[in-house]
N, C-alpha and C. Protein backbone atom coordinates (compact mmCIF):
# COMPACT_ATOMS: atom_id res chain seq x y z
N MET A 1 18.52 -19.62 23.73
CA MET A 1 18.00 -20.23 22.52
C MET A 1 18.40 -21.70 22.51
N LYS A 2 17.51 -22.57 22.18
CA LYS A 2 17.77 -24.00 22.17
C LYS A 2 18.68 -24.38 21.01
N ASP A 3 19.44 -25.47 21.20
CA ASP A 3 20.37 -25.93 20.17
C ASP A 3 19.64 -26.27 18.87
N GLU A 4 18.46 -26.90 18.97
CA GLU A 4 17.69 -27.28 17.78
C GLU A 4 17.25 -26.05 16.99
N GLN A 5 16.82 -25.01 17.71
CA GLN A 5 16.41 -23.77 17.03
C GLN A 5 17.60 -23.14 16.32
N LEU A 6 18.74 -23.14 16.99
CA LEU A 6 19.94 -22.57 16.41
C LEU A 6 20.36 -23.34 15.16
N LYS A 7 20.27 -24.66 15.21
CA LYS A 7 20.60 -25.48 14.04
C LYS A 7 19.67 -25.13 12.87
N ASN A 8 18.38 -24.97 13.15
CA ASN A 8 17.42 -24.62 12.10
C ASN A 8 17.72 -23.25 11.50
N ILE A 9 18.12 -22.31 12.34
CA ILE A 9 18.45 -20.98 11.84
C ILE A 9 19.67 -21.03 10.94
N PHE A 10 20.71 -21.78 11.36
CA PHE A 10 21.90 -21.92 10.53
C PHE A 10 21.58 -22.61 9.21
N LYS A 11 20.72 -23.62 9.28
CA LYS A 11 20.33 -24.34 8.07
C LYS A 11 19.59 -23.40 7.11
N LYS A 12 18.66 -22.60 7.64
CA LYS A 12 17.90 -21.67 6.81
C LYS A 12 18.82 -20.61 6.20
N ALA A 13 19.79 -20.12 7.00
CA ALA A 13 20.75 -19.13 6.49
C ALA A 13 21.58 -19.70 5.35
N SER A 14 22.00 -20.97 5.48
CA SER A 14 22.79 -21.57 4.40
C SER A 14 21.93 -21.82 3.15
N GLU A 15 20.63 -22.14 3.34
CA GLU A 15 19.73 -22.29 2.18
C GLU A 15 19.58 -20.96 1.46
N ILE A 16 19.43 -19.90 2.22
CA ILE A 16 19.29 -18.56 1.62
C ILE A 16 20.57 -18.20 0.88
N ALA A 17 21.71 -18.44 1.50
CA ALA A 17 23.00 -18.10 0.90
C ALA A 17 23.27 -18.89 -0.37
N SER A 18 22.74 -20.10 -0.46
CA SER A 18 22.99 -20.93 -1.64
C SER A 18 22.29 -20.40 -2.89
N GLU A 19 21.40 -19.45 -2.71
CA GLU A 19 20.66 -18.89 -3.85
C GLU A 19 21.42 -17.79 -4.58
N VAL A 20 22.53 -17.32 -4.01
CA VAL A 20 23.30 -16.24 -4.64
C VAL A 20 24.56 -16.82 -5.27
N PRO A 21 25.23 -16.05 -6.14
CA PRO A 21 26.48 -16.54 -6.74
C PRO A 21 27.50 -16.93 -5.66
N GLU A 22 28.34 -17.89 -5.98
CA GLU A 22 29.25 -18.48 -5.01
C GLU A 22 30.14 -17.45 -4.32
N VAL A 23 30.62 -16.46 -5.05
CA VAL A 23 31.50 -15.45 -4.45
C VAL A 23 30.80 -14.64 -3.36
N MET A 24 29.49 -14.54 -3.44
CA MET A 24 28.73 -13.75 -2.48
C MET A 24 28.16 -14.59 -1.34
N GLN A 25 28.31 -15.89 -1.39
CA GLN A 25 27.68 -16.76 -0.40
C GLN A 25 28.11 -16.52 1.04
N PRO A 26 29.41 -16.30 1.33
CA PRO A 26 29.76 -16.05 2.74
C PRO A 26 29.07 -14.79 3.31
N ALA A 27 29.07 -13.73 2.52
CA ALA A 27 28.42 -12.49 2.97
C ALA A 27 26.91 -12.69 3.08
N ALA A 28 26.33 -13.40 2.13
CA ALA A 28 24.89 -13.66 2.16
C ALA A 28 24.52 -14.50 3.38
N PHE A 29 25.37 -15.47 3.71
CA PHE A 29 25.12 -16.31 4.89
C PHE A 29 25.11 -15.45 6.16
N ASN A 30 26.11 -14.56 6.28
CA ASN A 30 26.17 -13.70 7.48
C ASN A 30 24.97 -12.76 7.56
N ARG A 31 24.59 -12.18 6.43
CA ARG A 31 23.41 -11.29 6.41
C ARG A 31 22.15 -12.05 6.78
N ALA A 32 22.00 -13.23 6.20
CA ALA A 32 20.81 -14.05 6.48
C ALA A 32 20.78 -14.45 7.94
N LEU A 33 21.91 -14.80 8.49
CA LEU A 33 21.99 -15.19 9.90
C LEU A 33 21.62 -14.01 10.81
N ASP A 34 22.17 -12.84 10.50
CA ASP A 34 21.82 -11.64 11.28
C ASP A 34 20.32 -11.38 11.22
N PHE A 35 19.78 -11.49 10.03
CA PHE A 35 18.35 -11.23 9.84
C PHE A 35 17.50 -12.26 10.59
N LEU A 36 17.85 -13.52 10.48
CA LEU A 36 17.06 -14.57 11.12
C LEU A 36 17.12 -14.48 12.65
N LEU A 37 18.19 -13.94 13.16
CA LEU A 37 18.32 -13.79 14.61
C LEU A 37 17.69 -12.50 15.11
N SER A 38 17.34 -11.61 14.20
CA SER A 38 16.71 -10.35 14.60
C SER A 38 15.22 -10.56 14.89
N ASP A 39 14.57 -9.52 15.35
CA ASP A 39 13.14 -9.59 15.65
C ASP A 39 12.34 -8.76 14.64
N SER A 40 12.68 -8.86 13.38
CA SER A 40 11.99 -8.11 12.34
C SER A 40 10.54 -8.56 12.22
N PRO A 41 9.58 -7.61 12.12
CA PRO A 41 8.18 -7.99 12.01
C PRO A 41 7.83 -8.68 10.69
N ILE A 42 8.66 -8.50 9.67
CA ILE A 42 8.35 -9.12 8.38
C ILE A 42 9.23 -10.33 8.11
N LYS A 43 9.99 -10.76 9.11
CA LYS A 43 10.92 -11.87 8.93
C LYS A 43 10.21 -13.12 8.40
N ASP A 44 9.10 -13.50 9.03
CA ASP A 44 8.40 -14.72 8.62
C ASP A 44 7.91 -14.64 7.18
N GLN A 45 7.42 -13.46 6.78
CA GLN A 45 6.92 -13.31 5.42
C GLN A 45 8.05 -13.41 4.40
N LEU A 46 9.21 -12.82 4.70
CA LEU A 46 10.34 -12.90 3.78
C LEU A 46 10.86 -14.33 3.68
N ILE A 47 10.88 -15.05 4.79
CA ILE A 47 11.31 -16.45 4.76
C ILE A 47 10.35 -17.26 3.90
N GLU A 48 9.05 -17.00 4.08
CA GLU A 48 8.04 -17.71 3.30
C GLU A 48 8.20 -17.42 1.80
N LEU A 49 8.45 -16.15 1.46
CA LEU A 49 8.65 -15.81 0.06
C LEU A 49 9.89 -16.50 -0.50
N GLY A 50 10.96 -16.52 0.28
CA GLY A 50 12.18 -17.18 -0.16
C GLY A 50 11.96 -18.67 -0.40
N THR A 51 11.21 -19.31 0.48
CA THR A 51 10.91 -20.73 0.34
C THR A 51 10.00 -20.97 -0.86
N LYS A 52 9.01 -20.11 -1.01
CA LYS A 52 8.04 -20.28 -2.09
C LYS A 52 8.69 -20.24 -3.46
N TYR A 53 9.68 -19.35 -3.61
CA TYR A 53 10.32 -19.20 -4.91
C TYR A 53 11.68 -19.89 -4.99
N ALA A 54 11.95 -20.84 -4.10
CA ALA A 54 13.22 -21.58 -4.11
C ALA A 54 13.39 -22.28 -5.44
N GLY A 55 14.61 -22.28 -5.94
CA GLY A 55 14.89 -22.94 -7.20
C GLY A 55 14.77 -22.00 -8.40
N GLN A 56 14.13 -20.87 -8.22
CA GLN A 56 14.02 -19.88 -9.30
C GLN A 56 15.29 -19.03 -9.32
N SER A 57 15.61 -18.47 -10.47
CA SER A 57 16.75 -17.56 -10.54
C SER A 57 16.41 -16.29 -9.77
N LEU A 58 17.44 -15.55 -9.38
CA LEU A 58 17.24 -14.33 -8.62
C LEU A 58 16.37 -13.33 -9.40
N GLU A 59 16.60 -13.23 -10.70
CA GLU A 59 15.80 -12.32 -11.52
C GLU A 59 14.34 -12.75 -11.54
N LYS A 60 14.11 -14.05 -11.67
CA LYS A 60 12.75 -14.58 -11.71
C LYS A 60 12.04 -14.35 -10.37
N LYS A 61 12.77 -14.59 -9.25
CA LYS A 61 12.19 -14.35 -7.93
C LYS A 61 11.75 -12.91 -7.78
N THR A 62 12.64 -12.00 -8.17
CA THR A 62 12.33 -10.58 -8.06
C THR A 62 11.11 -10.22 -8.88
N GLU A 63 11.05 -10.74 -10.10
CA GLU A 63 9.91 -10.48 -10.97
C GLU A 63 8.61 -11.03 -10.38
N LEU A 64 8.65 -12.27 -9.88
CA LEU A 64 7.45 -12.88 -9.30
C LEU A 64 6.97 -12.13 -8.07
N ILE A 65 7.91 -11.73 -7.21
CA ILE A 65 7.53 -11.01 -6.00
C ILE A 65 6.97 -9.65 -6.35
N ARG A 66 7.55 -8.94 -7.31
CA ARG A 66 7.03 -7.62 -7.71
C ARG A 66 5.63 -7.73 -8.29
N LYS A 67 5.39 -8.76 -9.11
CA LYS A 67 4.05 -8.94 -9.68
C LYS A 67 3.03 -9.23 -8.59
N LYS A 68 3.43 -10.02 -7.59
CA LYS A 68 2.52 -10.44 -6.54
C LYS A 68 2.17 -9.30 -5.60
N ASP A 69 3.15 -8.50 -5.24
CA ASP A 69 2.96 -7.49 -4.20
C ASP A 69 2.61 -6.14 -4.80
N SER A 70 1.68 -5.45 -4.15
CA SER A 70 1.34 -4.10 -4.55
C SER A 70 2.40 -3.15 -4.01
N PRO A 71 2.43 -1.92 -4.51
CA PRO A 71 3.48 -1.00 -4.06
C PRO A 71 3.21 -0.45 -2.66
N VAL A 72 3.25 -1.33 -1.67
CA VAL A 72 3.07 -0.95 -0.28
C VAL A 72 4.13 -1.63 0.54
N GLU A 73 4.18 -1.33 1.80
CA GLU A 73 5.16 -1.96 2.66
C GLU A 73 4.93 -3.47 2.72
N LEU A 74 6.00 -4.21 2.58
CA LEU A 74 5.92 -5.66 2.65
C LEU A 74 5.49 -6.05 4.05
N GLY A 75 4.53 -6.92 4.15
CA GLY A 75 4.09 -7.40 5.44
C GLY A 75 2.92 -6.63 6.04
N GLU A 76 2.48 -5.60 5.35
CA GLU A 76 1.41 -4.78 5.90
C GLU A 76 0.09 -5.13 5.22
N ALA A 77 -0.92 -5.44 6.00
CA ALA A 77 -2.23 -5.81 5.47
C ALA A 77 -2.97 -4.55 5.00
N LYS A 78 -3.89 -4.74 4.06
CA LYS A 78 -4.67 -3.62 3.53
C LYS A 78 -5.44 -2.90 4.63
N GLU A 79 -5.98 -3.66 5.60
CA GLU A 79 -6.72 -3.05 6.70
C GLU A 79 -5.82 -2.11 7.50
N ASP A 80 -4.57 -2.51 7.69
CA ASP A 80 -3.62 -1.66 8.41
C ASP A 80 -3.33 -0.38 7.63
N GLN A 81 -3.25 -0.51 6.31
CA GLN A 81 -3.01 0.66 5.48
C GLN A 81 -4.19 1.62 5.55
N LEU A 82 -5.40 1.08 5.49
CA LEU A 82 -6.59 1.92 5.58
C LEU A 82 -6.66 2.61 6.94
N LEU A 83 -6.29 1.90 7.98
CA LEU A 83 -6.27 2.47 9.32
C LEU A 83 -5.25 3.61 9.40
N LYS A 84 -4.09 3.43 8.77
CA LYS A 84 -3.09 4.50 8.72
C LYS A 84 -3.66 5.74 8.02
N LEU A 85 -4.37 5.51 6.91
CA LEU A 85 -4.95 6.64 6.19
C LEU A 85 -5.98 7.37 7.06
N VAL A 86 -6.86 6.60 7.70
CA VAL A 86 -7.91 7.20 8.56
C VAL A 86 -7.26 7.99 9.70
N ASN A 87 -6.27 7.41 10.34
CA ASN A 87 -5.59 8.10 11.45
C ASN A 87 -4.87 9.34 10.98
N THR A 88 -4.30 9.29 9.79
CA THR A 88 -3.61 10.45 9.24
C THR A 88 -4.60 11.58 8.98
N VAL A 89 -5.78 11.26 8.45
CA VAL A 89 -6.81 12.29 8.22
C VAL A 89 -7.16 12.98 9.53
N LYS A 90 -7.21 12.22 10.59
CA LYS A 90 -7.62 12.78 11.90
C LYS A 90 -6.50 13.54 12.61
N THR A 91 -5.24 13.24 12.26
CA THR A 91 -4.13 13.82 13.03
C THR A 91 -3.18 14.71 12.23
N CYS A 92 -3.33 14.78 10.93
CA CYS A 92 -2.38 15.56 10.13
C CYS A 92 -2.58 17.07 10.37
N GLU A 93 -1.63 17.87 9.88
CA GLU A 93 -1.72 19.31 10.09
C GLU A 93 -2.92 19.94 9.36
N GLU A 94 -3.47 19.24 8.37
CA GLU A 94 -4.63 19.74 7.64
C GLU A 94 -5.95 19.19 8.17
N ALA A 95 -5.92 18.49 9.29
CA ALA A 95 -7.10 17.78 9.80
C ALA A 95 -8.32 18.68 9.95
N GLU A 96 -8.13 19.85 10.52
CA GLU A 96 -9.27 20.75 10.73
C GLU A 96 -9.83 21.25 9.40
N LEU A 97 -8.95 21.61 8.48
CA LEU A 97 -9.40 22.06 7.16
C LEU A 97 -10.10 20.95 6.39
N ILE A 98 -9.59 19.73 6.50
CA ILE A 98 -10.22 18.59 5.84
C ILE A 98 -11.62 18.38 6.40
N GLY A 99 -11.75 18.49 7.71
CA GLY A 99 -13.07 18.34 8.34
C GLY A 99 -14.06 19.37 7.84
N VAL A 100 -13.63 20.63 7.81
CA VAL A 100 -14.53 21.72 7.42
C VAL A 100 -14.82 21.72 5.92
N ASN A 101 -13.79 21.55 5.10
CA ASN A 101 -13.94 21.73 3.66
C ASN A 101 -14.26 20.47 2.86
N ILE A 102 -14.14 19.29 3.49
CA ILE A 102 -14.47 18.06 2.76
C ILE A 102 -15.49 17.22 3.52
N LEU A 103 -15.15 16.82 4.74
CA LEU A 103 -16.01 15.89 5.46
C LEU A 103 -17.35 16.49 5.87
N ASP A 104 -17.38 17.78 6.19
CA ASP A 104 -18.64 18.43 6.60
C ASP A 104 -19.48 18.89 5.42
N ARG A 105 -18.96 18.76 4.23
CA ARG A 105 -19.71 19.16 3.02
C ARG A 105 -20.25 17.92 2.32
N ASN A 106 -21.07 18.15 1.31
CA ASN A 106 -21.76 17.04 0.64
C ASN A 106 -21.13 16.56 -0.66
N SER A 107 -20.00 17.11 -1.06
CA SER A 107 -19.40 16.73 -2.33
C SER A 107 -18.83 15.31 -2.26
N GLN A 108 -19.47 14.40 -2.97
CA GLN A 108 -18.98 13.02 -2.98
C GLN A 108 -17.65 12.92 -3.72
N VAL A 109 -17.46 13.72 -4.75
CA VAL A 109 -16.19 13.70 -5.49
C VAL A 109 -15.04 14.02 -4.55
N ASP A 110 -15.18 15.10 -3.78
CA ASP A 110 -14.11 15.50 -2.86
C ASP A 110 -13.85 14.42 -1.82
N ARG A 111 -14.92 13.83 -1.32
CA ARG A 111 -14.78 12.80 -0.30
C ARG A 111 -14.06 11.56 -0.82
N ILE A 112 -14.38 11.13 -2.04
CA ILE A 112 -13.73 9.91 -2.55
C ILE A 112 -12.30 10.16 -3.02
N LEU A 113 -11.97 11.41 -3.31
CA LEU A 113 -10.59 11.72 -3.68
C LEU A 113 -9.68 11.85 -2.44
N LEU A 114 -10.29 12.08 -1.27
CA LEU A 114 -9.52 12.33 -0.05
C LEU A 114 -8.52 11.22 0.30
N PRO A 115 -8.89 9.93 0.32
CA PRO A 115 -7.88 8.93 0.71
C PRO A 115 -6.69 8.87 -0.26
N MET A 116 -6.93 9.13 -1.52
CA MET A 116 -5.83 9.12 -2.48
C MET A 116 -4.93 10.34 -2.28
N TYR A 117 -5.52 11.46 -1.89
CA TYR A 117 -4.74 12.66 -1.57
C TYR A 117 -3.85 12.40 -0.36
N ILE A 118 -4.43 11.78 0.67
CA ILE A 118 -3.65 11.46 1.87
C ILE A 118 -2.52 10.49 1.53
N SER A 119 -2.82 9.48 0.71
CA SER A 119 -1.79 8.54 0.28
C SER A 119 -0.67 9.26 -0.46
N HIS A 120 -1.05 10.18 -1.33
CA HIS A 120 -0.06 10.93 -2.12
C HIS A 120 0.80 11.81 -1.22
N LYS A 121 0.15 12.59 -0.38
CA LYS A 121 0.87 13.59 0.40
C LYS A 121 1.68 13.00 1.55
N TYR A 122 1.13 12.02 2.25
CA TYR A 122 1.77 11.52 3.46
C TYR A 122 2.44 10.16 3.30
N PHE A 123 2.14 9.43 2.22
CA PHE A 123 2.73 8.10 2.03
C PHE A 123 3.37 7.94 0.66
N SER A 124 3.63 9.04 -0.04
CA SER A 124 4.29 9.03 -1.35
C SER A 124 3.63 8.06 -2.34
N ASP A 125 2.31 7.99 -2.33
CA ASP A 125 1.53 7.12 -3.23
C ASP A 125 1.84 5.64 -3.05
N LYS A 126 2.36 5.24 -1.90
CA LYS A 126 2.66 3.82 -1.68
C LYS A 126 1.42 3.02 -1.33
N ILE A 127 0.36 3.70 -0.90
CA ILE A 127 -0.89 3.01 -0.63
C ILE A 127 -1.83 3.31 -1.79
N VAL A 128 -2.03 2.33 -2.64
CA VAL A 128 -2.95 2.49 -3.77
C VAL A 128 -4.26 1.81 -3.41
N LEU A 129 -5.35 2.37 -3.87
CA LEU A 129 -6.66 1.96 -3.38
C LEU A 129 -7.61 1.54 -4.49
N THR A 130 -8.41 0.53 -4.19
CA THR A 130 -9.49 0.13 -5.08
C THR A 130 -10.74 0.90 -4.66
N THR A 131 -11.80 0.78 -5.45
CA THR A 131 -13.06 1.46 -5.08
C THR A 131 -13.59 0.90 -3.76
N GLY A 132 -13.41 -0.39 -3.53
CA GLY A 132 -13.83 -1.00 -2.27
C GLY A 132 -13.05 -0.45 -1.08
N ASP A 133 -11.75 -0.24 -1.27
CA ASP A 133 -10.92 0.34 -0.21
C ASP A 133 -11.39 1.75 0.13
N ILE A 134 -11.72 2.51 -0.89
CA ILE A 134 -12.18 3.89 -0.67
C ILE A 134 -13.50 3.90 0.09
N SER A 135 -14.39 3.00 -0.27
CA SER A 135 -15.67 2.88 0.43
C SER A 135 -15.45 2.52 1.91
N LYS A 136 -14.53 1.60 2.19
CA LYS A 136 -14.22 1.22 3.58
C LYS A 136 -13.59 2.38 4.34
N PHE A 137 -12.70 3.11 3.68
CA PHE A 137 -12.06 4.27 4.30
C PHE A 137 -13.11 5.29 4.73
N LEU A 138 -14.02 5.60 3.80
CA LEU A 138 -15.06 6.59 4.10
C LEU A 138 -15.99 6.09 5.20
N SER A 139 -16.29 4.81 5.18
CA SER A 139 -17.14 4.22 6.21
C SER A 139 -16.49 4.37 7.59
N ALA A 140 -15.19 4.22 7.66
CA ALA A 140 -14.47 4.39 8.93
C ALA A 140 -14.55 5.82 9.43
N LEU A 141 -14.78 6.76 8.51
CA LEU A 141 -14.94 8.17 8.90
C LEU A 141 -16.41 8.54 9.12
N GLY A 142 -17.31 7.56 9.00
CA GLY A 142 -18.73 7.80 9.22
C GLY A 142 -19.48 8.29 7.99
N ILE A 143 -18.88 8.10 6.82
CA ILE A 143 -19.50 8.52 5.56
C ILE A 143 -19.79 7.26 4.75
N ASN A 144 -21.04 7.03 4.43
CA ASN A 144 -21.39 5.82 3.69
C ASN A 144 -21.60 6.12 2.21
N ILE A 145 -20.63 5.69 1.42
CA ILE A 145 -20.72 5.74 -0.04
C ILE A 145 -20.38 4.34 -0.51
N SER A 146 -21.29 3.70 -1.19
CA SER A 146 -21.08 2.31 -1.60
C SER A 146 -19.97 2.21 -2.65
N THR A 147 -19.44 1.01 -2.78
CA THR A 147 -18.41 0.74 -3.77
C THR A 147 -18.92 1.05 -5.18
N ALA A 148 -20.17 0.70 -5.45
CA ALA A 148 -20.76 0.97 -6.77
C ALA A 148 -20.83 2.47 -7.04
N ASN A 149 -21.17 3.25 -6.03
CA ASN A 149 -21.23 4.71 -6.22
C ASN A 149 -19.84 5.30 -6.41
N VAL A 150 -18.85 4.78 -5.69
CA VAL A 150 -17.47 5.25 -5.89
C VAL A 150 -17.05 4.96 -7.32
N SER A 151 -17.35 3.77 -7.80
CA SER A 151 -17.01 3.39 -9.16
C SER A 151 -17.70 4.28 -10.18
N HIS A 152 -18.98 4.57 -9.95
CA HIS A 152 -19.75 5.44 -10.86
C HIS A 152 -19.15 6.85 -10.89
N ILE A 153 -18.81 7.38 -9.72
CA ILE A 153 -18.22 8.73 -9.66
C ILE A 153 -16.86 8.75 -10.34
N PHE A 154 -16.08 7.67 -10.19
CA PHE A 154 -14.79 7.59 -10.86
C PHE A 154 -14.94 7.63 -12.38
N SER A 155 -15.98 7.00 -12.88
CA SER A 155 -16.15 6.95 -14.33
C SER A 155 -16.82 8.21 -14.88
N SER A 156 -17.28 9.08 -14.00
CA SER A 156 -17.91 10.32 -14.49
C SER A 156 -17.21 11.55 -13.94
N ALA A 157 -17.70 12.12 -12.88
CA ALA A 157 -17.24 13.41 -12.38
C ALA A 157 -15.77 13.44 -11.95
N ALA A 158 -15.25 12.36 -11.42
CA ALA A 158 -13.87 12.35 -10.90
C ALA A 158 -12.86 11.81 -11.90
N SER A 159 -13.29 11.44 -13.09
CA SER A 159 -12.39 10.76 -14.03
C SER A 159 -11.16 11.57 -14.40
N LYS A 160 -11.27 12.89 -14.41
CA LYS A 160 -10.11 13.71 -14.79
C LYS A 160 -9.08 13.84 -13.67
N TYR A 161 -9.43 13.39 -12.46
CA TYR A 161 -8.54 13.54 -11.32
C TYR A 161 -7.83 12.25 -10.91
N ILE A 162 -8.14 11.14 -11.54
CA ILE A 162 -7.60 9.85 -11.11
C ILE A 162 -6.95 9.10 -12.27
N ILE A 163 -6.14 8.13 -11.90
CA ILE A 163 -5.55 7.23 -12.89
C ILE A 163 -5.50 5.83 -12.27
N GLY A 164 -5.82 4.83 -13.08
CA GLY A 164 -5.81 3.45 -12.61
C GLY A 164 -4.52 2.77 -13.00
N ASP A 165 -4.24 1.62 -12.36
CA ASP A 165 -3.00 0.91 -12.64
C ASP A 165 -3.10 -0.05 -13.82
N LYS A 166 -4.32 -0.26 -14.34
CA LYS A 166 -4.48 -1.12 -15.51
C LYS A 166 -5.82 -0.83 -16.18
N ILE A 167 -6.00 -1.42 -17.35
CA ILE A 167 -7.26 -1.26 -18.08
C ILE A 167 -8.32 -2.12 -17.41
N GLN A 168 -9.52 -1.60 -17.34
CA GLN A 168 -10.59 -2.29 -16.64
C GLN A 168 -10.99 -3.58 -17.35
N LYS A 169 -11.01 -4.67 -16.56
CA LYS A 169 -11.48 -5.97 -17.03
C LYS A 169 -12.42 -6.51 -15.97
N LYS A 170 -13.45 -7.16 -16.41
CA LYS A 170 -14.45 -7.66 -15.47
C LYS A 170 -13.82 -8.60 -14.43
N GLY A 171 -14.12 -8.31 -13.15
CA GLY A 171 -13.65 -9.15 -12.06
C GLY A 171 -12.26 -8.84 -11.55
N GLN A 172 -11.54 -7.90 -12.19
CA GLN A 172 -10.20 -7.56 -11.74
C GLN A 172 -10.21 -6.16 -11.13
N PRO A 173 -9.79 -6.03 -9.88
CA PRO A 173 -9.80 -4.71 -9.24
C PRO A 173 -8.74 -3.80 -9.83
N ILE A 174 -9.06 -2.54 -9.89
CA ILE A 174 -8.12 -1.53 -10.36
C ILE A 174 -7.72 -0.71 -9.15
N ARG A 175 -6.43 -0.43 -9.03
CA ARG A 175 -5.94 0.42 -7.94
C ARG A 175 -5.74 1.82 -8.50
N TYR A 176 -6.27 2.79 -7.77
CA TYR A 176 -6.27 4.16 -8.25
C TYR A 176 -5.34 5.05 -7.44
N ARG A 177 -4.91 6.12 -8.10
CA ARG A 177 -4.19 7.20 -7.43
C ARG A 177 -4.55 8.50 -8.12
N LEU A 178 -4.22 9.61 -7.49
CA LEU A 178 -4.55 10.92 -8.05
C LEU A 178 -3.57 11.31 -9.14
N THR A 179 -4.07 12.04 -10.13
CA THR A 179 -3.20 12.66 -11.12
C THR A 179 -2.69 13.98 -10.54
N ARG A 180 -1.81 14.65 -11.24
CA ARG A 180 -1.33 15.96 -10.76
C ARG A 180 -2.47 16.95 -10.63
N SER A 181 -3.39 16.91 -11.60
CA SER A 181 -4.53 17.84 -11.51
C SER A 181 -5.44 17.48 -10.34
N GLY A 182 -5.52 16.20 -10.00
CA GLY A 182 -6.31 15.77 -8.85
C GLY A 182 -5.71 16.26 -7.54
N VAL A 183 -4.40 16.18 -7.44
CA VAL A 183 -3.71 16.67 -6.24
C VAL A 183 -3.91 18.18 -6.11
N LYS A 184 -3.75 18.88 -7.22
CA LYS A 184 -3.92 20.34 -7.21
C LYS A 184 -5.35 20.72 -6.84
N TYR A 185 -6.31 20.05 -7.44
CA TYR A 185 -7.72 20.33 -7.16
C TYR A 185 -8.05 20.11 -5.69
N LEU A 186 -7.66 18.94 -5.16
CA LEU A 186 -8.04 18.63 -3.78
C LEU A 186 -7.31 19.51 -2.78
N SER A 187 -6.08 19.90 -3.07
CA SER A 187 -5.39 20.79 -2.14
C SER A 187 -6.07 22.16 -2.10
N THR A 188 -6.61 22.64 -3.24
CA THR A 188 -7.35 23.91 -3.22
C THR A 188 -8.68 23.76 -2.47
N VAL A 189 -9.33 22.61 -2.60
CA VAL A 189 -10.56 22.35 -1.86
C VAL A 189 -10.28 22.36 -0.37
N ILE A 190 -9.21 21.69 0.05
CA ILE A 190 -8.87 21.62 1.47
C ILE A 190 -8.56 23.02 2.02
N GLN A 191 -7.90 23.83 1.23
CA GLN A 191 -7.59 25.20 1.67
C GLN A 191 -8.80 26.13 1.63
N GLY A 192 -9.91 25.64 1.06
CA GLY A 192 -11.14 26.44 1.00
C GLY A 192 -11.17 27.42 -0.14
N LYS A 193 -10.32 27.20 -1.15
CA LYS A 193 -10.20 28.14 -2.26
C LYS A 193 -10.91 27.67 -3.52
N ALA A 194 -11.49 26.48 -3.51
CA ALA A 194 -12.15 25.95 -4.71
C ALA A 194 -13.52 26.57 -4.87
N ASN A 195 -13.96 26.63 -6.12
CA ASN A 195 -15.29 27.14 -6.41
C ASN A 195 -16.33 26.09 -6.02
N ASP A 196 -17.40 26.48 -5.36
CA ASP A 196 -18.43 25.53 -4.97
C ASP A 196 -19.38 25.24 -6.10
């Protein structure tokens, strides 16, 4: 490692450490130095966030970052999350049942609830989806349901199975997840026990 790079890393570590109370600064400096010298895939994003909110109190930084970021892994793009969902549908222990009882059938309600079920069961609801995300997910599986149709189904037939993260306002996307009854309903559909 070049001397100039090392100087920059030490400088960045001391900037990070200066943001915490004085008693914690030596430990914060060592942690920051360890982190900056590691090969973490989200290192650059965390450094950028720290720089962006420099000068703010720790409480304010935490609040701003929480408001900005959705409840997903830091550093992971939405496309990567959708890809994870699609791959999980194809490889999970329920893959064959999902194919037979949801994907091979014509129920649009069951199909649009599927990515939220996968998010709930395999990702602890950390991947929350908009109607556009659901349309892209289905498209990746070879099922074309437009965003407008997903939205229409959400407001009618599927409304009892989903919950949004906020009240609908024009131009603001809503992120959806399944309710308990939605999880129960879709798991019975996947097992082939639901009424047609």
